[in-house]
Amino acid sequence: MKNLIILIGFITGLTLYGQDLQTETRAIEKAHETVSVAKKNFKKALGEAIKKKGPAGALGECKIMAPTLGLKNEQIELGRTSHKLRNQANKPREWVQPLLEEYKKSSVTDHAKNKLINFGPNHYGYVEPIYIEAVCLNCHGSDLKPEVRKELSELYPSDQATGFKLGDFRGLIWLESKAQ
């Protein structure tokens, strides 16, 4: 009888563990899909602005577009942050700060793509790193054109987001979900 109780407990534990893994997997998939759509839309709009106006001209549009990356409703909040802020409104949330510290020691080749943090039942946080791509260097690199520097100083007087190299960690896109 004692062995049967232990066996039932073990099977129940495995079942619950399996359900937790399925829930976590679904949460990661949903979060990744939401973040991917936001990134794709932002990259497309930014690419079009750069083609039409060049990097310096696109900065004004970027300032307007970037906040739209943030999504907020009753269940999901999406944003971005960095250890080198351009826009001071993107300061990291308390739960994101330790992850930012962890990721900033990495490059595109040596870090996990995403992380899920479980805050409790149906409440989780998710982050994906942003790494510098070639197009990013127009406004985030070390060798900026004078017109880009001028526009940056006018739009972002407290800008810290330059001096990056290809593949450097730029920041995090974060998502917090409070599913019902």
N, C-alpha and C. Protein backbone atom coordinates (compact mmCIF):
# COMPACT_ATOMS: atom_id res chain seq x y z
N MET A 1 0.83 -1.20 0.00
CA MET A 1 0.00 0.00 0.00
C MET A 1 0.87 1.26 0.00
N LYS A 2 1.92 1.25 0.83
CA LYS A 2 2.83 2.38 0.91
C LYS A 2 3.48 2.63 -0.45
N ASN A 3 3.90 1.56 -1.12
CA ASN A 3 4.52 1.69 -2.44
C ASN A 3 3.53 2.24 -3.47
N LEU A 4 2.27 1.83 -3.34
CA LEU A 4 1.24 2.31 -4.27
C LEU A 4 1.04 3.81 -4.09
N ILE A 5 1.02 4.28 -2.87
CA ILE A 5 0.86 5.71 -2.59
C ILE A 5 2.05 6.49 -3.15
N ILE A 6 3.25 5.96 -2.97
CA ILE A 6 4.45 6.60 -3.52
C ILE A 6 4.37 6.65 -5.04
N LEU A 7 3.96 5.55 -5.66
CA LEU A 7 3.84 5.48 -7.11
C LEU A 7 2.80 6.48 -7.62
N ILE A 8 1.66 6.57 -6.96
CA ILE A 8 0.62 7.52 -7.37
C ILE A 8 1.14 8.95 -7.24
N GLY A 9 1.82 9.23 -6.15
CA GLY A 9 2.42 10.55 -5.95
C GLY A 9 3.43 10.88 -7.04
N PHE A 10 4.25 9.91 -7.40
CA PHE A 10 5.27 10.10 -8.44
C PHE A 10 4.61 10.37 -9.80
N ILE A 11 3.59 9.59 -10.14
CA ILE A 11 2.89 9.76 -11.42
C ILE A 11 2.18 11.12 -11.46
N THR A 12 1.55 11.50 -10.36
CA THR A 12 0.89 12.80 -10.29
C THR A 12 1.91 13.93 -10.48
N GLY A 13 3.04 13.79 -9.82
CA GLY A 13 4.10 14.79 -9.97
C GLY A 13 4.58 14.91 -11.40
N LEU A 14 4.78 13.78 -12.06
CA LEU A 14 5.21 13.80 -13.47
C LEU A 14 4.16 14.45 -14.36
N THR A 15 2.90 14.15 -14.09
CA THR A 15 1.81 14.73 -14.88
C THR A 15 1.77 16.24 -14.71
N LEU A 16 1.84 16.71 -13.47
CA LEU A 16 1.84 18.15 -13.22
C LEU A 16 3.06 18.81 -13.83
N TYR A 17 4.22 18.15 -13.73
CA TYR A 17 5.45 18.68 -14.32
C TYR A 17 5.28 18.80 -15.83
N GLY A 18 4.68 17.81 -16.45
CA GLY A 18 4.42 17.83 -17.89
C GLY A 18 3.49 18.96 -18.28
N GLN A 19 2.45 19.19 -17.45
CA GLN A 19 1.52 20.28 -17.72
C GLN A 19 2.23 21.62 -17.59
N ASP A 20 3.09 21.76 -16.57
CA ASP A 20 3.85 23.00 -16.39
C ASP A 20 4.74 23.26 -17.60
N LEU A 21 5.38 22.21 -18.12
CA LEU A 21 6.24 22.37 -19.30
C LEU A 21 5.42 22.78 -20.51
N GLN A 22 4.22 22.19 -20.67
CA GLN A 22 3.36 22.56 -21.79
C GLN A 22 2.91 24.01 -21.67
N THR A 23 2.54 24.42 -20.47
CA THR A 23 2.12 25.80 -20.23
C THR A 23 3.27 26.76 -20.53
N GLU A 24 4.46 26.42 -20.05
CA GLU A 24 5.63 27.26 -20.29
C GLU A 24 5.96 27.33 -21.78
N THR A 25 5.88 26.20 -22.45
CA THR A 25 6.14 26.17 -23.89
C THR A 25 5.14 27.05 -24.64
N ARG A 26 3.86 26.96 -24.28
CA ARG A 26 2.84 27.80 -24.93
C ARG A 26 3.10 29.28 -24.63
N ALA A 27 3.49 29.59 -23.41
CA ALA A 27 3.77 30.98 -23.04
C ALA A 27 4.93 31.53 -23.87
N ILE A 28 5.99 30.73 -24.01
CA ILE A 28 7.14 31.16 -24.81
C ILE A 28 6.73 31.36 -26.26
N GLU A 29 5.96 30.43 -26.80
CA GLU A 29 5.52 30.54 -28.20
C GLU A 29 4.68 31.80 -28.43
N LYS A 30 3.73 32.07 -27.52
CA LYS A 30 2.88 33.26 -27.65
C LYS A 30 3.71 34.53 -27.54
N ALA A 31 4.60 34.58 -26.54
CA ALA A 31 5.42 35.76 -26.34
C ALA A 31 6.34 35.99 -27.54
N HIS A 32 6.96 34.93 -28.00
CA HIS A 32 7.87 35.04 -29.15
C HIS A 32 7.12 35.54 -30.39
N GLU A 33 5.93 35.04 -30.61
CA GLU A 33 5.13 35.46 -31.76
C GLU A 33 4.79 36.96 -31.66
N THR A 34 4.37 37.41 -30.49
CA THR A 34 4.03 38.82 -30.29
C THR A 34 5.25 39.71 -30.53
N VAL A 35 6.38 39.33 -29.94
CA VAL A 35 7.62 40.10 -30.09
C VAL A 35 8.08 40.09 -31.55
N SER A 36 8.00 38.96 -32.20
CA SER A 36 8.43 38.84 -33.60
C SER A 36 7.63 39.77 -34.52
N VAL A 37 6.33 39.83 -34.32
CA VAL A 37 5.48 40.71 -35.13
C VAL A 37 5.86 42.17 -34.89
N ALA A 38 6.05 42.55 -33.64
CA ALA A 38 6.43 43.93 -33.32
C ALA A 38 7.78 44.28 -33.95
N LYS A 39 8.76 43.38 -33.83
CA LYS A 39 10.08 43.63 -34.42
C LYS A 39 10.00 43.74 -35.94
N LYS A 40 9.25 42.85 -36.55
CA LYS A 40 9.12 42.85 -38.02
C LYS A 40 8.50 44.16 -38.50
N ASN A 41 7.43 44.60 -37.85
CA ASN A 41 6.77 45.84 -38.23
C ASN A 41 7.68 47.05 -38.05
N PHE A 42 8.42 47.07 -36.95
CA PHE A 42 9.34 48.17 -36.68
C PHE A 42 10.46 48.21 -37.72
N LYS A 43 11.07 47.05 -37.99
CA LYS A 43 12.17 46.99 -38.97
C LYS A 43 11.69 47.41 -40.36
N LYS A 44 10.51 46.99 -40.74
CA LYS A 44 9.97 47.34 -42.05
C LYS A 44 9.77 48.85 -42.15
N ALA A 45 9.12 49.44 -41.16
CA ALA A 45 8.86 50.88 -41.17
C ALA A 45 10.17 51.67 -41.14
N LEU A 46 11.12 51.23 -40.33
CA LEU A 46 12.40 51.93 -40.25
C LEU A 46 13.16 51.81 -41.57
N GLY A 47 13.16 50.63 -42.17
CA GLY A 47 13.83 50.44 -43.46
C GLY A 47 13.26 51.35 -44.54
N GLU A 48 11.94 51.49 -44.57
CA GLU A 48 11.29 52.37 -45.53
C GLU A 48 11.67 53.83 -45.28
N ALA A 49 11.72 54.23 -44.01
CA ALA A 49 12.09 55.60 -43.67
C ALA A 49 13.54 55.89 -44.07
N ILE A 50 14.44 54.94 -43.86
CA ILE A 50 15.84 55.13 -44.24
C ILE A 50 15.96 55.25 -45.76
N LYS A 51 15.23 54.42 -46.50
CA LYS A 51 15.28 54.50 -47.97
C LYS A 51 14.79 55.85 -48.47
N LYS A 52 13.73 56.37 -47.86
CA LYS A 52 13.14 57.64 -48.31
C LYS A 52 13.96 58.85 -47.87
N LYS A 53 14.47 58.83 -46.64
CA LYS A 53 15.05 60.04 -46.06
C LYS A 53 16.50 59.92 -45.64
N GLY A 54 17.07 58.73 -45.72
CA GLY A 54 18.43 58.53 -45.23
C GLY A 54 18.42 58.39 -43.71
N PRO A 55 19.56 57.99 -43.12
CA PRO A 55 19.60 57.76 -41.67
C PRO A 55 19.23 58.98 -40.83
N ALA A 56 19.76 60.16 -41.17
CA ALA A 56 19.46 61.34 -40.36
C ALA A 56 17.97 61.69 -40.43
N GLY A 57 17.40 61.63 -41.62
CA GLY A 57 15.98 61.93 -41.79
C GLY A 57 15.08 60.90 -41.13
N ALA A 58 15.54 59.67 -41.09
CA ALA A 58 14.74 58.60 -40.49
C ALA A 58 14.69 58.70 -38.96
N LEU A 59 15.64 59.42 -38.36
CA LEU A 59 15.65 59.53 -36.90
C LEU A 59 14.36 60.17 -36.37
N GLY A 60 13.86 61.19 -37.05
CA GLY A 60 12.62 61.83 -36.62
C GLY A 60 11.45 60.86 -36.67
N GLU A 61 11.41 60.08 -37.73
CA GLU A 61 10.34 59.08 -37.84
C GLU A 61 10.53 57.97 -36.82
N CYS A 62 11.77 57.61 -36.58
CA CYS A 62 12.06 56.56 -35.60
C CYS A 62 11.57 56.99 -34.22
N LYS A 63 11.74 58.28 -33.92
CA LYS A 63 11.29 58.78 -32.61
C LYS A 63 9.78 58.64 -32.47
N ILE A 64 9.08 58.76 -33.59
CA ILE A 64 7.62 58.61 -33.58
C ILE A 64 7.23 57.13 -33.58
N MET A 65 7.94 56.33 -34.39
CA MET A 65 7.60 54.90 -34.54
C MET A 65 7.97 54.07 -33.31
N ALA A 66 9.12 54.34 -32.73
CA ALA A 66 9.65 53.48 -31.66
C ALA A 66 8.66 53.30 -30.51
N PRO A 67 8.00 54.36 -30.04
CA PRO A 67 7.05 54.13 -28.95
C PRO A 67 5.89 53.22 -29.34
N THR A 68 5.58 53.13 -30.63
CA THR A 68 4.48 52.25 -31.04
C THR A 68 4.87 50.78 -30.92
N LEU A 69 6.17 50.52 -30.74
CA LEU A 69 6.60 49.15 -30.47
C LEU A 69 6.00 48.69 -29.14
N GLY A 70 5.83 49.64 -28.23
CA GLY A 70 5.23 49.32 -26.94
C GLY A 70 3.75 49.02 -27.12
N LEU A 71 3.33 47.92 -26.59
CA LEU A 71 1.95 47.47 -26.68
C LEU A 71 1.46 47.32 -25.25
N LYS A 72 0.26 47.81 -24.99
CA LYS A 72 -0.26 47.66 -23.64
C LYS A 72 -1.76 47.41 -23.73
N ASN A 73 -2.18 46.34 -23.10
CA ASN A 73 -3.61 46.09 -22.92
C ASN A 73 -3.77 45.42 -21.57
N GLU A 74 -4.94 44.90 -21.29
CA GLU A 74 -5.18 44.32 -19.96
C GLU A 74 -4.32 43.10 -19.68
N GLN A 75 -3.91 42.39 -20.73
CA GLN A 75 -3.18 41.14 -20.51
C GLN A 75 -1.70 41.21 -20.87
N ILE A 76 -1.33 42.07 -21.81
CA ILE A 76 0.06 42.09 -22.28
C ILE A 76 0.59 43.51 -22.29
N GLU A 77 1.84 43.63 -21.88
CA GLU A 77 2.56 44.88 -22.02
C GLU A 77 3.89 44.55 -22.67
N LEU A 78 4.26 45.32 -23.68
CA LEU A 78 5.46 45.07 -24.47
C LEU A 78 6.27 46.35 -24.53
N GLY A 79 7.58 46.23 -24.38
CA GLY A 79 8.43 47.41 -24.47
C GLY A 79 9.86 47.01 -24.78
N ARG A 80 10.75 47.98 -24.72
CA ARG A 80 12.17 47.69 -24.92
C ARG A 80 12.97 48.57 -23.99
N THR A 81 14.18 48.13 -23.73
CA THR A 81 15.06 48.86 -22.84
C THR A 81 16.50 48.54 -23.19
N SER A 82 17.41 49.24 -22.53
CA SER A 82 18.82 49.03 -22.80
C SER A 82 19.67 49.47 -21.62
N HIS A 83 20.91 49.04 -21.63
CA HIS A 83 21.89 49.52 -20.66
C HIS A 83 22.47 50.85 -21.12
N LYS A 84 22.24 51.21 -22.39
CA LYS A 84 22.66 52.50 -22.96
C LYS A 84 21.42 53.10 -23.62
N LEU A 85 20.71 53.90 -22.86
CA LEU A 85 19.42 54.42 -23.32
C LEU A 85 19.58 55.56 -24.32
N ARG A 86 18.71 55.56 -25.28
CA ARG A 86 18.57 56.70 -26.18
C ARG A 86 17.39 57.53 -25.66
N ASN A 87 16.29 56.88 -25.40
CA ASN A 87 15.09 57.52 -24.89
C ASN A 87 14.95 57.15 -23.41
N GLN A 88 15.00 58.15 -22.56
CA GLN A 88 14.95 57.91 -21.11
C GLN A 88 13.63 57.29 -20.65
N ALA A 89 12.61 57.35 -21.49
CA ALA A 89 11.32 56.73 -21.14
C ALA A 89 11.40 55.20 -21.19
N ASN A 90 12.50 54.66 -21.72
CA ASN A 90 12.65 53.20 -21.85
C ASN A 90 13.50 52.59 -20.73
N LYS A 91 13.54 53.24 -19.59
CA LYS A 91 14.30 52.68 -18.47
C LYS A 91 13.79 51.28 -18.14
N PRO A 92 14.70 50.39 -17.72
CA PRO A 92 14.27 49.00 -17.48
C PRO A 92 13.35 48.86 -16.27
N ARG A 93 12.41 47.96 -16.40
CA ARG A 93 11.58 47.58 -15.26
C ARG A 93 12.46 46.83 -14.26
N GLU A 94 11.99 46.79 -13.04
CA GLU A 94 12.77 46.15 -11.98
C GLU A 94 13.10 44.70 -12.30
N TRP A 95 12.15 43.94 -12.84
CA TRP A 95 12.39 42.52 -13.12
C TRP A 95 13.30 42.33 -14.33
N VAL A 96 13.40 43.34 -15.19
CA VAL A 96 14.23 43.25 -16.40
C VAL A 96 15.69 43.58 -16.10
N GLN A 97 15.93 44.43 -15.10
CA GLN A 97 17.29 44.92 -14.82
C GLN A 97 18.34 43.81 -14.66
N PRO A 98 18.09 42.76 -13.85
CA PRO A 98 19.11 41.71 -13.73
C PRO A 98 19.36 40.98 -15.05
N LEU A 99 18.33 40.84 -15.86
CA LEU A 99 18.49 40.18 -17.17
C LEU A 99 19.32 41.06 -18.10
N LEU A 100 19.10 42.35 -18.02
CA LEU A 100 19.87 43.30 -18.81
C LEU A 100 21.35 43.20 -18.45
N GLU A 101 21.64 43.12 -17.17
CA GLU A 101 23.03 42.97 -16.71
C GLU A 101 23.64 41.67 -17.23
N GLU A 102 22.85 40.61 -17.22
CA GLU A 102 23.33 39.31 -17.69
C GLU A 102 23.60 39.33 -19.20
N TYR A 103 22.66 39.85 -19.96
CA TYR A 103 22.80 39.86 -21.41
C TYR A 103 23.89 40.81 -21.89
N LYS A 104 24.11 41.91 -21.19
CA LYS A 104 25.07 42.90 -21.71
C LYS A 104 26.50 42.37 -21.73
N LYS A 105 26.75 41.27 -21.06
CA LYS A 105 28.08 40.64 -21.09
C LYS A 105 28.24 39.73 -22.30
N SER A 106 27.21 39.65 -23.14
CA SER A 106 27.21 38.68 -24.23
C SER A 106 27.27 39.34 -25.60
N SER A 107 27.49 38.51 -26.59
CA SER A 107 27.36 38.95 -27.98
C SER A 107 26.36 38.03 -28.66
N VAL A 108 26.06 38.34 -29.89
CA VAL A 108 25.04 37.60 -30.63
C VAL A 108 25.35 36.10 -30.71
N THR A 109 26.61 35.74 -30.64
CA THR A 109 26.99 34.33 -30.81
C THR A 109 26.97 33.50 -29.53
N ASP A 110 26.91 34.14 -28.37
CA ASP A 110 27.10 33.35 -27.15
C ASP A 110 26.01 33.49 -26.09
N HIS A 111 24.80 33.77 -26.47
CA HIS A 111 23.77 33.90 -25.44
C HIS A 111 22.46 33.30 -25.90
N ALA A 112 21.66 32.88 -24.94
CA ALA A 112 20.33 32.34 -25.22
C ALA A 112 19.50 33.38 -25.95
N LYS A 113 18.64 32.92 -26.82
CA LYS A 113 17.81 33.85 -27.58
C LYS A 113 16.75 34.53 -26.73
N ASN A 114 16.15 33.81 -25.79
CA ASN A 114 15.08 34.39 -25.01
C ASN A 114 15.03 33.76 -23.62
N LYS A 115 14.29 34.41 -22.75
CA LYS A 115 14.10 33.88 -21.40
C LYS A 115 12.67 34.14 -20.97
N LEU A 116 12.13 33.18 -20.24
CA LEU A 116 10.80 33.30 -19.66
C LEU A 116 10.96 33.30 -18.15
N ILE A 117 10.31 34.23 -17.50
CA ILE A 117 10.34 34.32 -16.04
C ILE A 117 8.92 34.13 -15.54
N ASN A 118 8.72 33.15 -14.67
CA ASN A 118 7.40 32.86 -14.15
C ASN A 118 7.21 33.64 -12.85
N PHE A 119 6.24 34.56 -12.86
CA PHE A 119 5.95 35.36 -11.67
C PHE A 119 4.86 34.73 -10.81
N GLY A 120 4.15 33.76 -11.36
CA GLY A 120 3.05 33.12 -10.65
C GLY A 120 2.05 32.60 -11.66
N PRO A 121 0.93 32.08 -11.19
CA PRO A 121 -0.06 31.52 -12.11
C PRO A 121 -0.48 32.55 -13.17
N ASN A 122 -0.34 32.19 -14.42
CA ASN A 122 -0.74 33.02 -15.56
C ASN A 122 -0.10 34.40 -15.59
N HIS A 123 1.05 34.55 -14.97
CA HIS A 123 1.75 35.84 -14.96
C HIS A 123 3.23 35.57 -15.22
N TYR A 124 3.69 36.05 -16.35
CA TYR A 124 5.09 35.80 -16.68
C TYR A 124 5.70 36.99 -17.41
N GLY A 125 7.03 37.00 -17.41
CA GLY A 125 7.80 37.97 -18.17
C GLY A 125 8.61 37.22 -19.21
N TYR A 126 8.91 37.89 -20.29
CA TYR A 126 9.65 37.28 -21.39
C TYR A 126 10.57 38.34 -21.95
N VAL A 127 11.81 37.97 -22.26
CA VAL A 127 12.73 38.90 -22.91
C VAL A 127 13.40 38.25 -24.10
N GLU A 128 13.69 39.08 -25.09
CA GLU A 128 14.50 38.69 -26.24
C GLU A 128 15.57 39.75 -26.42
N PRO A 129 16.80 39.34 -26.64
CA PRO A 129 17.86 40.33 -26.83
C PRO A 129 17.80 40.99 -28.20
N ILE A 130 18.30 42.21 -28.25
CA ILE A 130 18.47 42.95 -29.50
C ILE A 130 19.98 43.08 -29.70
N TYR A 131 20.47 42.62 -30.82
CA TYR A 131 21.89 42.75 -31.15
C TYR A 131 22.04 43.68 -32.35
N ILE A 132 23.13 44.40 -32.38
CA ILE A 132 23.39 45.38 -33.44
C ILE A 132 23.59 44.68 -34.78
N GLU A 133 22.78 45.10 -35.76
CA GLU A 133 22.91 44.65 -37.14
C GLU A 133 23.58 45.78 -37.94
N ALA A 134 23.96 45.49 -39.17
CA ALA A 134 24.67 46.48 -39.99
C ALA A 134 23.90 47.79 -40.11
N VAL A 135 22.60 47.73 -40.37
CA VAL A 135 21.81 48.95 -40.54
C VAL A 135 21.77 49.79 -39.26
N CYS A 136 21.88 49.15 -38.12
CA CYS A 136 21.83 49.84 -36.83
C CYS A 136 23.02 50.78 -36.64
N LEU A 137 24.14 50.44 -37.28
CA LEU A 137 25.37 51.22 -37.11
C LEU A 137 25.23 52.64 -37.64
N ASN A 138 24.27 52.89 -38.54
CA ASN A 138 24.04 54.24 -39.05
C ASN A 138 23.75 55.24 -37.93
N CYS A 139 23.08 54.79 -36.89
CA CYS A 139 22.67 55.67 -35.80
C CYS A 139 23.17 55.22 -34.43
N HIS A 140 23.73 54.02 -34.35
CA HIS A 140 24.19 53.49 -33.06
C HIS A 140 25.68 53.15 -33.06
N GLY A 141 26.36 53.33 -34.19
CA GLY A 141 27.78 52.98 -34.29
C GLY A 141 28.69 54.06 -33.74
N SER A 142 29.98 53.90 -33.99
CA SER A 142 30.99 54.86 -33.53
C SER A 142 31.24 55.95 -34.56
N ASP A 143 31.16 55.59 -35.83
CA ASP A 143 31.52 56.49 -36.92
C ASP A 143 30.25 57.06 -37.56
N LEU A 144 29.62 57.99 -36.86
CA LEU A 144 28.35 58.56 -37.34
C LEU A 144 28.59 59.75 -38.25
N LYS A 145 27.75 59.90 -39.26
CA LYS A 145 27.82 61.06 -40.14
C LYS A 145 27.45 62.31 -39.34
N PRO A 146 28.04 63.46 -39.69
CA PRO A 146 27.75 64.69 -38.93
C PRO A 146 26.26 65.02 -38.85
N GLU A 147 25.51 64.80 -39.94
CA GLU A 147 24.08 65.12 -39.91
C GLU A 147 23.32 64.19 -38.96
N VAL A 148 23.81 62.96 -38.79
CA VAL A 148 23.19 62.03 -37.85
C VAL A 148 23.49 62.48 -36.42
N ARG A 149 24.75 62.84 -36.16
CA ARG A 149 25.12 63.34 -34.81
C ARG A 149 24.28 64.56 -34.43
N LYS A 150 24.13 65.48 -35.40
CA LYS A 150 23.36 66.71 -35.15
C LYS A 150 21.90 66.37 -34.81
N GLU A 151 21.30 65.51 -35.62
CA GLU A 151 19.90 65.13 -35.39
C GLU A 151 19.73 64.41 -34.05
N LEU A 152 20.68 63.53 -33.72
CA LEU A 152 20.63 62.83 -32.43
C LEU A 152 20.70 63.82 -31.27
N SER A 153 21.58 64.80 -31.35
CA SER A 153 21.72 65.75 -30.24
C SER A 153 20.46 66.60 -30.08
N GLU A 154 19.75 66.85 -31.18
CA GLU A 154 18.51 67.63 -31.10
C GLU A 154 17.35 66.79 -30.56
N LEU A 155 17.24 65.56 -31.06
CA LEU A 155 16.11 64.70 -30.66
C LEU A 155 16.31 64.02 -29.31
N TYR A 156 17.55 63.68 -29.01
CA TYR A 156 17.86 62.92 -27.79
C TYR A 156 19.07 63.54 -27.10
N PRO A 157 18.89 64.64 -26.38
CA PRO A 157 20.03 65.32 -25.75
C PRO A 157 20.79 64.46 -24.73
N SER A 158 20.14 63.47 -24.16
CA SER A 158 20.80 62.59 -23.17
C SER A 158 21.17 61.23 -23.76
N ASP A 159 21.29 61.16 -25.09
CA ASP A 159 21.57 59.90 -25.78
C ASP A 159 22.85 59.23 -25.28
N GLN A 160 22.75 57.95 -24.98
CA GLN A 160 23.91 57.13 -24.59
C GLN A 160 24.10 55.97 -25.56
N ALA A 161 23.26 55.90 -26.61
CA ALA A 161 23.16 54.69 -27.43
C ALA A 161 24.01 54.72 -28.70
N THR A 162 25.25 55.17 -28.59
CA THR A 162 26.16 55.12 -29.73
C THR A 162 27.43 54.39 -29.29
N GLY A 163 28.31 54.15 -30.26
CA GLY A 163 29.57 53.47 -29.96
C GLY A 163 29.50 51.96 -30.07
N PHE A 164 28.42 51.44 -30.61
CA PHE A 164 28.25 50.00 -30.75
C PHE A 164 28.98 49.49 -31.98
N LYS A 165 29.30 48.19 -31.95
CA LYS A 165 29.89 47.49 -33.09
C LYS A 165 28.92 46.38 -33.52
N LEU A 166 29.10 45.92 -34.74
CA LEU A 166 28.27 44.85 -35.28
C LEU A 166 28.26 43.65 -34.33
N GLY A 167 27.07 43.16 -33.99
CA GLY A 167 26.93 42.01 -33.10
C GLY A 167 26.89 42.34 -31.62
N ASP A 168 27.14 43.60 -31.25
CA ASP A 168 27.07 43.99 -29.83
C ASP A 168 25.63 43.87 -29.32
N PHE A 169 25.51 43.62 -28.04
CA PHE A 169 24.21 43.61 -27.38
C PHE A 169 23.70 45.05 -27.30
N ARG A 170 22.50 45.29 -27.78
CA ARG A 170 21.92 46.64 -27.79
C ARG A 170 20.89 46.84 -26.68
N GLY A 171 20.16 45.78 -26.35
CA GLY A 171 19.14 45.91 -25.32
C GLY A 171 18.20 44.72 -25.35
N LEU A 172 17.05 44.89 -24.71
CA LEU A 172 16.06 43.81 -24.63
C LEU A 172 14.69 44.31 -25.07
N ILE A 173 13.98 43.44 -25.75
CA ILE A 173 12.55 43.63 -25.92
C ILE A 173 11.92 42.78 -24.83
N TRP A 174 11.03 43.36 -24.06
CA TRP A 174 10.42 42.63 -22.96
C TRP A 174 8.90 42.58 -23.15
N LEU A 175 8.33 41.56 -22.57
CA LEU A 175 6.89 41.37 -22.60
C LEU A 175 6.48 40.88 -21.22
N GLU A 176 5.43 41.47 -20.69
CA GLU A 176 4.87 40.97 -19.44
C GLU A 176 3.42 40.60 -19.69
N SER A 177 3.05 39.38 -19.33
CA SER A 177 1.71 38.88 -19.59
C SER A 177 1.03 38.52 -18.27
N LYS A 178 -0.19 39.00 -18.15
CA LYS A 178 -1.03 38.65 -16.99
C LYS A 178 -2.31 38.04 -17.54
N ALA A 179 -2.19 36.84 -18.06
CA ALA A 179 -3.33 36.17 -18.69
C ALA A 179 -4.38 35.83 -17.66
N GLN A 180 -5.62 35.89 -18.08
CA GLN A 180 -6.74 35.59 -17.17
C GLN A 180 -7.01 34.12 -17.16
